[in-house]
């Protein structure tokens, strides 16, 4: 699919004929009075901030009057969202942007995306969700397709009240070395999974400073390394051509890459705004979409506005 920018006429068509307020997530609607909404009217940025709505009808009227280029809602809840004052709590969020992935199996350069990029971003999102639910016991975890990646929203009450979120970020992303890589449960399990996932997508050149011979050995033995990790073996990097100093360096660099697969600034910021599911990502003509069936979700089937099909004469 070719990603094209939406025209003003197409935006008007979408918001007058296709946009459905019922597709705004329930967790947004239920807390609407406490959230700030931000609008980008022409692609120059979210210059229309400090919007607050009492109900969906007010939001719907504004949407259909403005045909916005993009719409965001705050992850934070405020006593006075129209002033962004009186912070109450905020969603714990993870932002996976396919165009900024530090490692990927395809040949896209930074800033580009393809179908494989988006599929791998979804796979990463599912791994994170599995950790949040299985390791941390969180229940209210939602996935949204953002147009060029995925957003994970966590709304468990304990997560909403967190102010220092950096330790959760390190845990979930495996970007900090556990004390014992042979632990069966907890941190080490999550760390092993993220290390293996990042390693599986690595190619020559992903670690520029690594010795070429060492890097070739790592890439040649990716399956073996991951297999030993899953077996909780401490010698998971003991392969020909990889010495002790190199092993330490590999672990450090892979952890760094794992941490870069999400935008950490978004997770630790408890006053962030994120794209509102059901609205257009006008830069690429896709619909930001709450994903109810992550395993089977296909953005090229489930998040394409009708006007894109009409462009093609379908």
C-alpha atoms as a PDB file:
ATOM      1  CA  UNK A   1       0.000   0.000   0.000  1.00  0.00           C
ATOM      2  CA  UNK A   2       1.252   3.485  -0.879  1.00  0.00           C
ATOM      3  CA  UNK A   3       1.089   5.905   2.053  1.00  0.00           C
ATOM      4  CA  UNK A   4      -0.289   9.243   0.817  1.00  0.00           C
ATOM      5  CA  UNK A   5      -1.292  12.400   2.650  1.00  0.00           C
ATOM      6  CA  UNK A   6      -5.006  13.055   3.036  1.00  0.00           C
ATOM      7  CA  UNK A   7      -6.479  15.995   1.139  1.00  0.00           C
ATOM      8  CA  UNK A   8      -8.856  18.489   2.854  1.00  0.00           C
ATOM      9  CA  UNK A   9     -11.700  17.066   0.767  1.00  0.00           C
ATOM     10  CA  UNK A  10     -10.913  13.527   1.898  1.00  0.00           C
ATOM     11  CA  UNK A  11     -10.806  14.628   5.543  1.00  0.00           C
ATOM     12  CA  UNK A  12     -14.237  16.175   5.144  1.00  0.00           C
ATOM     13  CA  UNK A  13     -15.521  12.978   3.524  1.00  0.00           C
ATOM     14  CA  UNK A  14     -14.160  10.870   6.357  1.00  0.00           C
ATOM     15  CA  UNK A  15     -15.540  12.920   9.247  1.00  0.00           C
ATOM     16  CA  UNK A  16     -18.916  13.548   7.620  1.00  0.00           C
ATOM     17  CA  UNK A  17     -19.528  10.060   6.194  1.00  0.00           C
ATOM     18  CA  UNK A  18     -17.343   7.472   7.896  1.00  0.00           C
ATOM     19  CA  UNK A  19     -16.122   8.582  11.313  1.00  0.00           C
ATOM     20  CA  UNK A  20     -18.126   6.802  14.020  1.00  0.00           C
ATOM     21  CA  UNK A  21     -18.081   8.274  17.553  1.00  0.00           C
ATOM     22  CA  UNK A  22     -18.945   4.792  18.830  1.00  0.00           C
ATOM     23  CA  UNK A  23     -15.434   3.717  17.857  1.00  0.00           C
ATOM     24  CA  UNK A  24     -13.861   6.116  20.338  1.00  0.00           C
ATOM     25  CA  UNK A  25     -12.622   3.767  23.102  1.00  0.00           C
ATOM     26  CA  UNK A  26     -14.875   3.385  26.111  1.00  0.00           C
ATOM     27  CA  UNK A  27     -11.995   4.202  28.463  1.00  0.00           C
ATOM     28  CA  UNK A  28     -11.733   7.605  26.766  1.00  0.00           C
ATOM     29  CA  UNK A  29     -15.475   8.260  26.834  1.00  0.00           C
ATOM     30  CA  UNK A  30     -15.797   7.272  30.500  1.00  0.00           C
ATOM     31  CA  UNK A  31     -13.138   9.789  31.545  1.00  0.00           C
ATOM     32  CA  UNK A  32     -13.803  12.448  28.929  1.00  0.00           C
ATOM     33  CA  UNK A  33     -14.535  15.235  31.413  1.00  0.00           C
ATOM     34  CA  UNK A  34     -11.051  14.783  32.907  1.00  0.00           C
ATOM     35  CA  UNK A  35      -9.009  14.657  29.701  1.00  0.00           C
ATOM     36  CA  UNK A  36      -7.455  17.349  27.554  1.00  0.00           C
ATOM     37  CA  UNK A  37      -8.007  17.098  23.786  1.00  0.00           C
ATOM     38  CA  UNK A  38      -5.634  18.562  21.210  1.00  0.00           C
ATOM     39  CA  UNK A  39      -6.220  19.277  17.521  1.00  0.00           C
ATOM     40  CA  UNK A  40      -3.915  19.700  14.554  1.00  0.00           C
ATOM     41  CA  UNK A  41      -5.939  21.499  11.890  1.00  0.00           C
ATOM     42  CA  UNK A  42      -3.563  21.522   8.921  1.00  0.00           C
ATOM     43  CA  UNK A  43      -0.529  19.340   9.627  1.00  0.00           C
ATOM     44  CA  UNK A  44       1.556  21.998  11.355  1.00  0.00           C
ATOM     45  CA  UNK A  45       1.221  20.542  14.858  1.00  0.00           C
ATOM     46  CA  UNK A  46      -1.128  20.395  17.822  1.00  0.00           C
ATOM     47  CA  UNK A  47      -1.629  24.138  18.180  1.00  0.00           C
ATOM     48  CA  UNK A  48      -5.235  23.861  19.394  1.00  0.00           C
ATOM     49  CA  UNK A  49      -4.741  22.585  22.950  1.00  0.00           C
ATOM     50  CA  UNK A  50      -6.651  22.860  26.261  1.00  0.00           C
ATOM     51  CA  UNK A  51      -9.917  21.519  24.836  1.00  0.00           C
ATOM     52  CA  UNK A  52     -12.314  19.837  27.271  1.00  0.00           C
ATOM     53  CA  UNK A  53     -15.644  18.175  26.542  1.00  0.00           C
ATOM     54  CA  UNK A  54     -18.505  17.163  28.791  1.00  0.00           C
ATOM     55  CA  UNK A  55     -19.743  14.374  26.536  1.00  0.00           C
ATOM     56  CA  UNK A  56     -19.341  12.704  23.168  1.00  0.00           C
ATOM     57  CA  UNK A  57     -21.912  14.975  21.552  1.00  0.00           C
ATOM     58  CA  UNK A  58     -19.704  18.026  22.167  1.00  0.00           C
ATOM     59  CA  UNK A  59     -16.674  16.222  20.739  1.00  0.00           C
ATOM     60  CA  UNK A  60     -18.661  15.007  17.743  1.00  0.00           C
ATOM     61  CA  UNK A  61     -19.834  18.527  16.893  1.00  0.00           C
ATOM     62  CA  UNK A  62     -16.263  19.833  16.944  1.00  0.00           C
ATOM     63  CA  UNK A  63     -14.939  16.954  14.869  1.00  0.00           C
ATOM     64  CA  UNK A  64     -17.521  17.421  12.129  1.00  0.00           C
ATOM     65  CA  UNK A  65     -17.124  21.194  12.131  1.00  0.00           C
ATOM     66  CA  UNK A  66     -13.315  21.111  11.879  1.00  0.00           C
ATOM     67  CA  UNK A  67     -12.486  17.919   9.929  1.00  0.00           C
ATOM     68  CA  UNK A  68      -9.164  17.866  11.799  1.00  0.00           C
ATOM     69  CA  UNK A  69      -5.850  16.754  10.373  1.00  0.00           C
ATOM     70  CA  UNK A  70      -5.127  14.903  13.627  1.00  0.00           C
ATOM     71  CA  UNK A  71      -6.620  14.563  17.112  1.00  0.00           C
ATOM     72  CA  UNK A  72      -5.012  13.578  20.418  1.00  0.00           C
ATOM     73  CA  UNK A  73      -6.351  12.929  23.896  1.00  0.00           C
ATOM     74  CA  UNK A  74      -4.299  13.267  27.048  1.00  0.00           C
ATOM     75  CA  UNK A  75      -3.148  10.164  28.864  1.00  0.00           C
ATOM     76  CA  UNK A  76      -3.471  12.251  32.041  1.00  0.00           C
ATOM     77  CA  UNK A  77      -6.648  12.948  34.006  1.00  0.00           C
ATOM     78  CA  UNK A  78      -7.071  16.480  35.359  1.00  0.00           C
ATOM     79  CA  UNK A  79      -9.437  18.295  37.683  1.00  0.00           C
ATOM     80  CA  UNK A  80      -9.405  21.141  35.147  1.00  0.00           C
ATOM     81  CA  UNK A  81      -8.358  19.731  31.750  1.00  0.00           C
ATOM     82  CA  UNK A  82      -9.226  23.010  30.033  1.00  0.00           C
ATOM     83  CA  UNK A  83      -6.286  24.517  31.937  1.00  0.00           C
ATOM     84  CA  UNK A  84      -4.243  21.313  32.221  1.00  0.00           C
ATOM     85  CA  UNK A  85      -4.335  21.731  36.001  1.00  0.00           C
ATOM     86  CA  UNK A  86      -5.007  19.476  38.942  1.00  0.00           C
ATOM     87  CA  UNK A  87      -3.249  16.308  37.784  1.00  0.00           C
ATOM     88  CA  UNK A  88      -5.050  13.252  39.161  1.00  0.00           C
ATOM     89  CA  UNK A  89      -3.472  10.233  37.456  1.00  0.00           C
ATOM     90  CA  UNK A  90      -2.332   9.037  34.038  1.00  0.00           C
ATOM     91  CA  UNK A  91      -2.371   5.955  31.885  1.00  0.00           C
ATOM     92  CA  UNK A  92       0.828   3.931  31.716  1.00  0.00           C
ATOM     93  CA  UNK A  93       1.598   3.901  27.995  1.00  0.00           C
ATOM     94  CA  UNK A  94       4.085   2.360  25.590  1.00  0.00           C
ATOM     95  CA  UNK A  95       4.606   3.937  22.160  1.00  0.00           C
ATOM     96  CA  UNK A  96       5.946   1.674  19.406  1.00  0.00           C
ATOM     97  CA  UNK A  97       6.684   3.645  16.242  1.00  0.00           C
ATOM     98  CA  UNK A  98       7.527   1.396  13.301  1.00  0.00           C
ATOM     99  CA  UNK A  99       9.478   4.099  11.476  1.00  0.00           C
ATOM    100  CA  UNK A 100      11.896   4.553  14.390  1.00  0.00           C
ATOM    101  CA  UNK A 101      12.713   0.926  15.156  1.00  0.00           C
ATOM    102  CA  UNK A 102      16.468   0.459  15.782  1.00  0.00           C
ATOM    103  CA  UNK A 103      16.361  -3.143  14.506  1.00  0.00           C
ATOM    104  CA  UNK A 104      14.079  -4.680  11.912  1.00  0.00           C
ATOM    105  CA  UNK A 105      14.132  -7.569   9.498  1.00  0.00           C
ATOM    106  CA  UNK A 106      13.224  -5.522   6.423  1.00  0.00           C
ATOM    107  CA  UNK A 107      15.420  -3.114   4.482  1.00  0.00           C
ATOM    108  CA  UNK A 108      13.552   0.087   5.402  1.00  0.00           C
ATOM    109  CA  UNK A 109      15.673   2.992   6.522  1.00  0.00           C
ATOM    110  CA  UNK A 110      14.856   5.074   9.605  1.00  0.00           C
ATOM    111  CA  UNK A 111      11.753   7.129   8.857  1.00  0.00           C
ATOM    112  CA  UNK A 112      10.286   4.586   6.426  1.00  0.00           C
ATOM    113  CA  UNK A 113       7.741   1.847   7.046  1.00  0.00           C
ATOM    114  CA  UNK A 114       6.431  -1.194   5.205  1.00  0.00           C
ATOM    115  CA  UNK A 115       4.038  -4.027   5.965  1.00  0.00           C
ATOM    116  CA  UNK A 116       6.793  -6.065   7.603  1.00  0.00           C
ATOM    117  CA  UNK A 117       7.720  -3.129   9.871  1.00  0.00           C
ATOM    118  CA  UNK A 118       4.158  -2.859  11.079  1.00  0.00           C
ATOM    119  CA  UNK A 119       3.834  -6.603  11.586  1.00  0.00           C
ATOM    120  CA  UNK A 120       7.020  -6.696  13.663  1.00  0.00           C
ATOM    121  CA  UNK A 121       5.800  -3.691  15.663  1.00  0.00           C
ATOM    122  CA  UNK A 122       2.611  -5.583  16.445  1.00  0.00           C
ATOM    123  CA  UNK A 123       4.661  -8.596  17.512  1.00  0.00           C
ATOM    124  CA  UNK A 124       6.646  -6.397  19.880  1.00  0.00           C
ATOM    125  CA  UNK A 125       3.414  -4.937  21.258  1.00  0.00           C
ATOM    126  CA  UNK A 126       2.035  -8.420  21.933  1.00  0.00           C
ATOM    127  CA  UNK A 127       5.226  -9.386  23.788  1.00  0.00           C
ATOM    128  CA  UNK A 128       4.945  -6.276  25.959  1.00  0.00           C
ATOM    129  CA  UNK A 129       1.263  -6.951  26.647  1.00  0.00           C
ATOM    130  CA  UNK A 130       2.068 -10.536  27.610  1.00  0.00           C
ATOM    131  CA  UNK A 131       4.641  -9.248  30.110  1.00  0.00           C
ATOM    132  CA  UNK A 132       2.247  -6.653  31.520  1.00  0.00           C
ATOM    133  CA  UNK A 133      -0.477  -9.241  32.014  1.00  0.00           C
ATOM    134  CA  UNK A 134       1.527 -12.364  32.777  1.00  0.00           C
ATOM    135  CA  UNK A 135       4.441 -10.970  34.775  1.00  0.00           C
ATOM    136  CA  UNK A 136       2.943  -7.855  36.353  1.00  0.00           C
ATOM    137  CA  UNK A 137      -0.642  -9.083  36.705  1.00  0.00           C
ATOM    138  CA  UNK A 138      -2.195  -6.052  35.005  1.00  0.00           C
ATOM    139  CA  UNK A 139      -5.699  -6.519  33.631  1.00  0.00           C
ATOM    140  CA  UNK A 140      -6.852  -3.321  31.912  1.00  0.00           C
ATOM    141  CA  UNK A 141      -4.432  -3.334  29.000  1.00  0.00           C
ATOM    142  CA  UNK A 142      -5.525  -1.996  25.602  1.00  0.00           C
ATOM    143  CA  UNK A 143      -3.827  -1.931  22.207  1.00  0.00           C
ATOM    144  CA  UNK A 144      -4.356   0.795  19.614  1.00  0.00           C
ATOM    145  CA  UNK A 145      -2.999   1.029  16.091  1.00  0.00           C
ATOM    146  CA  UNK A 146      -1.576   4.541  15.777  1.00  0.00           C
ATOM    147  CA  UNK A 147      -1.117   4.720  12.000  1.00  0.00           C
ATOM    148  CA  UNK A 148       2.624   4.078  11.943  1.00  0.00           C
ATOM    149  CA  UNK A 149       2.847   1.768  14.913  1.00  0.00           C
ATOM    150  CA  UNK A 150       1.039   0.844  18.119  1.00  0.00           C
ATOM    151  CA  UNK A 151       0.153   2.367  21.471  1.00  0.00           C
ATOM    152  CA  UNK A 152      -0.380   0.271  24.593  1.00  0.00           C
ATOM    153  CA  UNK A 153      -2.643   1.837  27.235  1.00  0.00           C
ATOM    154  CA  UNK A 154      -2.658   0.459  30.804  1.00  0.00           C
ATOM    155  CA  UNK A 155      -5.517   1.605  33.034  1.00  0.00           C
ATOM    156  CA  UNK A 156      -5.220  -0.532  36.184  1.00  0.00           C
ATOM    157  CA  UNK A 157      -5.614   1.768  39.171  1.00  0.00           C
ATOM    158  CA  UNK A 158      -2.145   0.996  40.516  1.00  0.00           C
ATOM    159  CA  UNK A 159      -0.565   1.865  37.174  1.00  0.00           C
ATOM    160  CA  UNK A 160      -2.581   5.081  36.839  1.00  0.00           C
ATOM    161  CA  UNK A 161      -1.146   6.471  40.070  1.00  0.00           C
ATOM    162  CA  UNK A 162       2.510   5.739  39.248  1.00  0.00           C
ATOM    163  CA  UNK A 163       4.638   8.865  39.077  1.00  0.00           C
ATOM    164  CA  UNK A 164       8.106   7.336  38.585  1.00  0.00           C
ATOM    165  CA  UNK A 165       7.693   5.015  35.603  1.00  0.00           C
ATOM    166  CA  UNK A 166      11.286   4.497  34.525  1.00  0.00           C
ATOM    167  CA  UNK A 167      11.764   1.265  36.515  1.00  0.00           C
ATOM    168  CA  UNK A 168       8.652  -0.265  34.903  1.00  0.00           C
ATOM    169  CA  UNK A 169       9.992   0.745  31.502  1.00  0.00           C
ATOM    170  CA  UNK A 170      13.366  -0.924  32.169  1.00  0.00           C
ATOM    171  CA  UNK A 171      11.682  -4.076  33.460  1.00  0.00           C
ATOM    172  CA  UNK A 172       9.257  -4.498  30.589  1.00  0.00           C
ATOM    173  CA  UNK A 173      11.746  -3.673  27.847  1.00  0.00           C
ATOM    174  CA  UNK A 174      14.624  -5.722  29.265  1.00  0.00           C
ATOM    175  CA  UNK A 175      16.919  -2.709  29.028  1.00  0.00           C
ATOM    176  CA  UNK A 176      18.632  -3.367  32.348  1.00  0.00           C
ATOM    177  CA  UNK A 177      20.606  -6.481  33.229  1.00  0.00           C
ATOM    178  CA  UNK A 178      18.920  -8.742  35.808  1.00  0.00           C
ATOM    179  CA  UNK A 179      20.926  -9.903  38.783  1.00  0.00           C
ATOM    180  CA  UNK A 180      20.735 -13.550  37.757  1.00  0.00           C
ATOM    181  CA  UNK A 181      19.923 -14.551  34.175  1.00  0.00           C
ATOM    182  CA  UNK A 182      19.066 -18.057  35.354  1.00  0.00           C
ATOM    183  CA  UNK A 183      16.113 -16.980  37.474  1.00  0.00           C
ATOM    184  CA  UNK A 184      13.017 -18.898  36.428  1.00  0.00           C
ATOM    185  CA  UNK A 185      10.462 -16.175  37.088  1.00  0.00           C
ATOM    186  CA  UNK A 186      10.216 -12.407  37.219  1.00  0.00           C
ATOM    187  CA  UNK A 187      12.669  -9.994  35.744  1.00  0.00           C
ATOM    188  CA  UNK A 188      14.979 -12.566  34.156  1.00  0.00           C
ATOM    189  CA  UNK A 189      12.204 -14.228  32.165  1.00  0.00           C
ATOM    190  CA  UNK A 190      11.122 -10.906  30.706  1.00  0.00           C
ATOM    191  CA  UNK A 191      14.730  -9.945  30.023  1.00  0.00           C
ATOM    192  CA  UNK A 192      15.423 -13.178  28.165  1.00  0.00           C
ATOM    193  CA  UNK A 193      12.360 -12.789  25.977  1.00  0.00           C
ATOM    194  CA  UNK A 194      13.160  -9.204  25.007  1.00  0.00           C
ATOM    195  CA  UNK A 195      16.828 -10.036  24.363  1.00  0.00           C
ATOM    196  CA  UNK A 196      15.784 -12.881  22.048  1.00  0.00           C
ATOM    197  CA  UNK A 197      13.195 -10.763  20.234  1.00  0.00           C
ATOM    198  CA  UNK A 198      15.671  -7.954  19.570  1.00  0.00           C
ATOM    199  CA  UNK A 199      18.385 -10.413  18.540  1.00  0.00           C
ATOM    200  CA  UNK A 200      16.054 -12.157  16.082  1.00  0.00           C
ATOM    201  CA  UNK A 201      15.705  -8.951  14.023  1.00  0.00           C
ATOM    202  CA  UNK A 202      19.337  -7.860  14.090  1.00  0.00           C
ATOM    203  CA  UNK A 203      21.442  -7.558  10.948  1.00  0.00           C
ATOM    204  CA  UNK A 204      25.065  -6.700  10.209  1.00  0.00           C
ATOM    205  CA  UNK A 205      25.592  -3.031  10.964  1.00  0.00           C
ATOM    206  CA  UNK A 206      22.976  -2.737  13.725  1.00  0.00           C
ATOM    207  CA  UNK A 207      25.865  -2.404  16.191  1.00  0.00           C
ATOM    208  CA  UNK A 208      28.338  -0.260  14.288  1.00  0.00           C
ATOM    209  CA  UNK A 209      31.025  -0.321  16.952  1.00  0.00           C
ATOM    210  CA  UNK A 210      31.117  -4.115  17.268  1.00  0.00           C
ATOM    211  CA  UNK A 211      34.033  -6.083  15.794  1.00  0.00           C
ATOM    212  CA  UNK A 212      32.921  -7.503  12.440  1.00  0.00           C
ATOM    213  CA  UNK A 213      34.028 -11.039  13.251  1.00  0.00           C
ATOM    214  CA  UNK A 214      32.199 -11.010  16.597  1.00  0.00           C
ATOM    215  CA  UNK A 215      29.074  -9.611  14.985  1.00  0.00           C
ATOM    216  CA  UNK A 216      29.141 -12.264  12.267  1.00  0.00           C
ATOM    217  CA  UNK A 217      29.364 -14.981  14.937  1.00  0.00           C
ATOM    218  CA  UNK A 218      26.408 -13.485  16.810  1.00  0.00           C
ATOM    219  CA  UNK A 219      24.278 -13.343  13.667  1.00  0.00           C
ATOM    220  CA  UNK A 220      25.306 -16.842  12.590  1.00  0.00           C
ATOM    221  CA  UNK A 221      24.328 -18.284  15.974  1.00  0.00           C
ATOM    222  CA  UNK A 222      21.146 -16.265  16.676  1.00  0.00           C
ATOM    223  CA  UNK A 223      18.940 -19.338  16.996  1.00  0.00           C
ATOM    224  CA  UNK A 224      21.385 -21.097  19.268  1.00  0.00           C
ATOM    225  CA  UNK A 225      21.753 -18.048  21.509  1.00  0.00           C
ATOM    226  CA  UNK A 226      17.995 -17.696  21.831  1.00  0.00           C
ATOM    227  CA  UNK A 227      17.582 -21.407  22.457  1.00  0.00           C
ATOM    228  CA  UNK A 228      20.088 -21.380  25.305  1.00  0.00           C
ATOM    229  CA  UNK A 229      18.455 -18.266  26.761  1.00  0.00           C
ATOM    230  CA  UNK A 230      15.083 -19.976  26.838  1.00  0.00           C
ATOM    231  CA  UNK A 231      16.752 -22.893  28.623  1.00  0.00           C
ATOM    232  CA  UNK A 232      18.030 -20.389  31.240  1.00  0.00           C
ATOM    233  CA  UNK A 233      21.665 -21.230  30.481  1.00  0.00           C
ATOM    234  CA  UNK A 234      24.315 -18.795  31.666  1.00  0.00           C
ATOM    235  CA  UNK A 235      26.541 -19.748  28.708  1.00  0.00           C
ATOM    236  CA  UNK A 236      24.058 -18.524  26.099  1.00  0.00           C
ATOM    237  CA  UNK A 237      26.759 -16.472  24.344  1.00  0.00           C
ATOM    238  CA  UNK A 238      29.546 -19.061  24.483  1.00  0.00           C
ATOM    239  CA  UNK A 239      30.078 -19.534  20.757  1.00  0.00           C
ATOM    240  CA  UNK A 240      33.286 -19.546  18.667  1.00  0.00           C
ATOM    241  CA  UNK A 241      34.583 -16.045  18.044  1.00  0.00           C
ATOM    242  CA  UNK A 242      32.830 -14.496  21.048  1.00  0.00           C
ATOM    243  CA  UNK A 243      35.127 -13.853  24.019  1.00  0.00           C
ATOM    244  CA  UNK A 244      34.223 -12.685  27.520  1.00  0.00           C
ATOM    245  CA  UNK A 245      34.745  -8.985  26.798  1.00  0.00           C
ATOM    246  CA  UNK A 246      32.696  -9.328  23.636  1.00  0.00           C
ATOM    247  CA  UNK A 247      29.908 -11.128  25.519  1.00  0.00           C
ATOM    248  CA  UNK A 248      29.590  -8.262  27.969  1.00  0.00           C
ATOM    249  CA  UNK A 249      29.545  -5.772  25.113  1.00  0.00           C
ATOM    250  CA  UNK A 250      26.916  -7.718  23.173  1.00  0.00           C
ATOM    251  CA  UNK A 251      24.629  -7.853  26.205  1.00  0.00           C
ATOM    252  CA  UNK A 252      25.031  -4.134  26.769  1.00  0.00           C
ATOM    253  CA  UNK A 253      24.328  -3.230  23.134  1.00  0.00           C
ATOM    254  CA  UNK A 254      21.328  -5.559  22.725  1.00  0.00           C
ATOM    255  CA  UNK A 255      19.782  -4.192  25.927  1.00  0.00           C
ATOM    256  CA  UNK A 256      20.267  -0.683  24.574  1.00  0.00           C
ATOM    257  CA  UNK A 257      18.527  -1.621  21.325  1.00  0.00           C
ATOM    258  CA  UNK A 258      15.690  -3.307  23.222  1.00  0.00           C
ATOM    259  CA  UNK A 259      15.113  -0.131  25.193  1.00  0.00           C
ATOM    260  CA  UNK A 260      14.977   1.915  21.985  1.00  0.00           C
ATOM    261  CA  UNK A 261      12.156  -0.145  20.458  1.00  0.00           C
ATOM    262  CA  UNK A 262       9.671   1.994  22.375  1.00  0.00           C
ATOM    263  CA  UNK A 263       9.764   5.744  22.891  1.00  0.00           C
ATOM    264  CA  UNK A 264      10.772   5.816  26.535  1.00  0.00           C
ATOM    265  CA  UNK A 265       9.964   9.527  26.859  1.00  0.00           C
ATOM    266  CA  UNK A 266       6.308   8.706  26.281  1.00  0.00           C
ATOM    267  CA  UNK A 267       6.198   6.042  29.005  1.00  0.00           C
ATOM    268  CA  UNK A 268       7.813   8.165  31.716  1.00  0.00           C
ATOM    269  CA  UNK A 269       5.822  11.309  30.823  1.00  0.00           C
ATOM    270  CA  UNK A 270       2.614  11.344  32.872  1.00  0.00           C
ATOM    271  CA  UNK A 271       1.182  14.339  30.973  1.00  0.00           C
ATOM    272  CA  UNK A 272       1.409  13.017  27.409  1.00  0.00           C
ATOM    273  CA  UNK A 273      -1.090  13.285  24.572  1.00  0.00           C
ATOM    274  CA  UNK A 274      -1.647  10.375  22.167  1.00  0.00           C
ATOM    275  CA  UNK A 275      -3.606   9.966  18.956  1.00  0.00           C
ATOM    276  CA  UNK A 276      -7.295   9.361  19.499  1.00  0.00           C
ATOM    277  CA  UNK A 277      -8.437   5.982  18.111  1.00  0.00           C
ATOM    278  CA  UNK A 278     -11.128   6.367  15.411  1.00  0.00           C
ATOM    279  CA  UNK A 279      -9.455   9.490  13.966  1.00  0.00           C
ATOM    280  CA  UNK A 280      -7.290   9.898  10.874  1.00  0.00           C
ATOM    281  CA  UNK A 281      -3.545   9.773  10.664  1.00  0.00           C
ATOM    282  CA  UNK A 282      -3.693  12.218   7.777  1.00  0.00           C
ATOM    283  CA  UNK A 283      -0.013  11.994   6.885  1.00  0.00           C
ATOM    284  CA  UNK A 284      -0.466   8.442   5.620  1.00  0.00           C
ATOM    285  CA  UNK A 285      -4.252   8.034   5.134  1.00  0.00           C
ATOM    286  CA  UNK A 286      -4.839   5.446   7.850  1.00  0.00           C
ATOM    287  CA  UNK A 287      -7.342   5.245  10.715  1.00  0.00           C
ATOM    288  CA  UNK A 288      -6.044   5.132  14.276  1.00  0.00           C
ATOM    289  CA  UNK A 289      -7.883   2.104  15.597  1.00  0.00           C
ATOM    290  CA  UNK A 290      -8.565   0.394  18.916  1.00  0.00           C
ATOM    291  CA  UNK A 291      -7.549  -3.236  18.359  1.00  0.00           C
ATOM    292  CA  UNK A 292     -10.038  -5.714  19.802  1.00  0.00           C
ATOM    293  CA  UNK A 293      -8.467  -8.838  18.268  1.00  0.00           C
ATOM    294  CA  UNK A 294      -4.687  -8.233  18.224  1.00  0.00           C
ATOM    295  CA  UNK A 295      -3.694 -11.618  16.824  1.00  0.00           C
ATOM    296  CA  UNK A 296      -5.825 -11.170  13.700  1.00  0.00           C
ATOM    297  CA  UNK A 297      -5.671  -7.395  13.281  1.00  0.00           C
ATOM    298  CA  UNK A 298      -4.423  -6.295   9.867  1.00  0.00           C
ATOM    299  CA  UNK A 299      -4.099  -2.512   9.451  1.00  0.00           C
ATOM    300  CA  UNK A 300      -4.250  -2.852   5.674  1.00  0.00           C
ATOM    301  CA  UNK A 301      -7.672  -4.440   6.016  1.00  0.00           C
ATOM    302  CA  UNK A 302      -9.027  -2.984   9.260  1.00  0.00           C
ATOM    303  CA  UNK A 303      -7.686   0.594   9.324  1.00  0.00           C
ATOM    304  CA  UNK A 304      -8.047   1.833   5.746  1.00  0.00           C
ATOM    305  CA  UNK A 305     -10.606   4.616   5.148  1.00  0.00           C
ATOM    306  CA  UNK A 306     -13.081   4.221   2.307  1.00  0.00           C
ATOM    307  CA  UNK A 307     -11.674   7.153   0.363  1.00  0.00           C
ATOM    308  CA  UNK A 308      -8.378   5.271  -0.063  1.00  0.00           C
ATOM    309  CA  UNK A 309     -10.236   2.450  -1.790  1.00  0.00           C
ATOM    310  CA  UNK A 310     -12.049   5.001  -3.932  1.00  0.00           C
ATOM    311  CA  UNK A 311      -8.684   6.456  -4.984  1.00  0.00           C
ATOM    312  CA  UNK A 312      -7.891   3.080  -6.465  1.00  0.00           C
ATOM    313  CA  UNK A 313     -11.256   2.786  -8.126  1.00  0.00           C
ATOM    314  CA  UNK A 314     -12.317  -0.183  -6.033  1.00  0.00           C
END
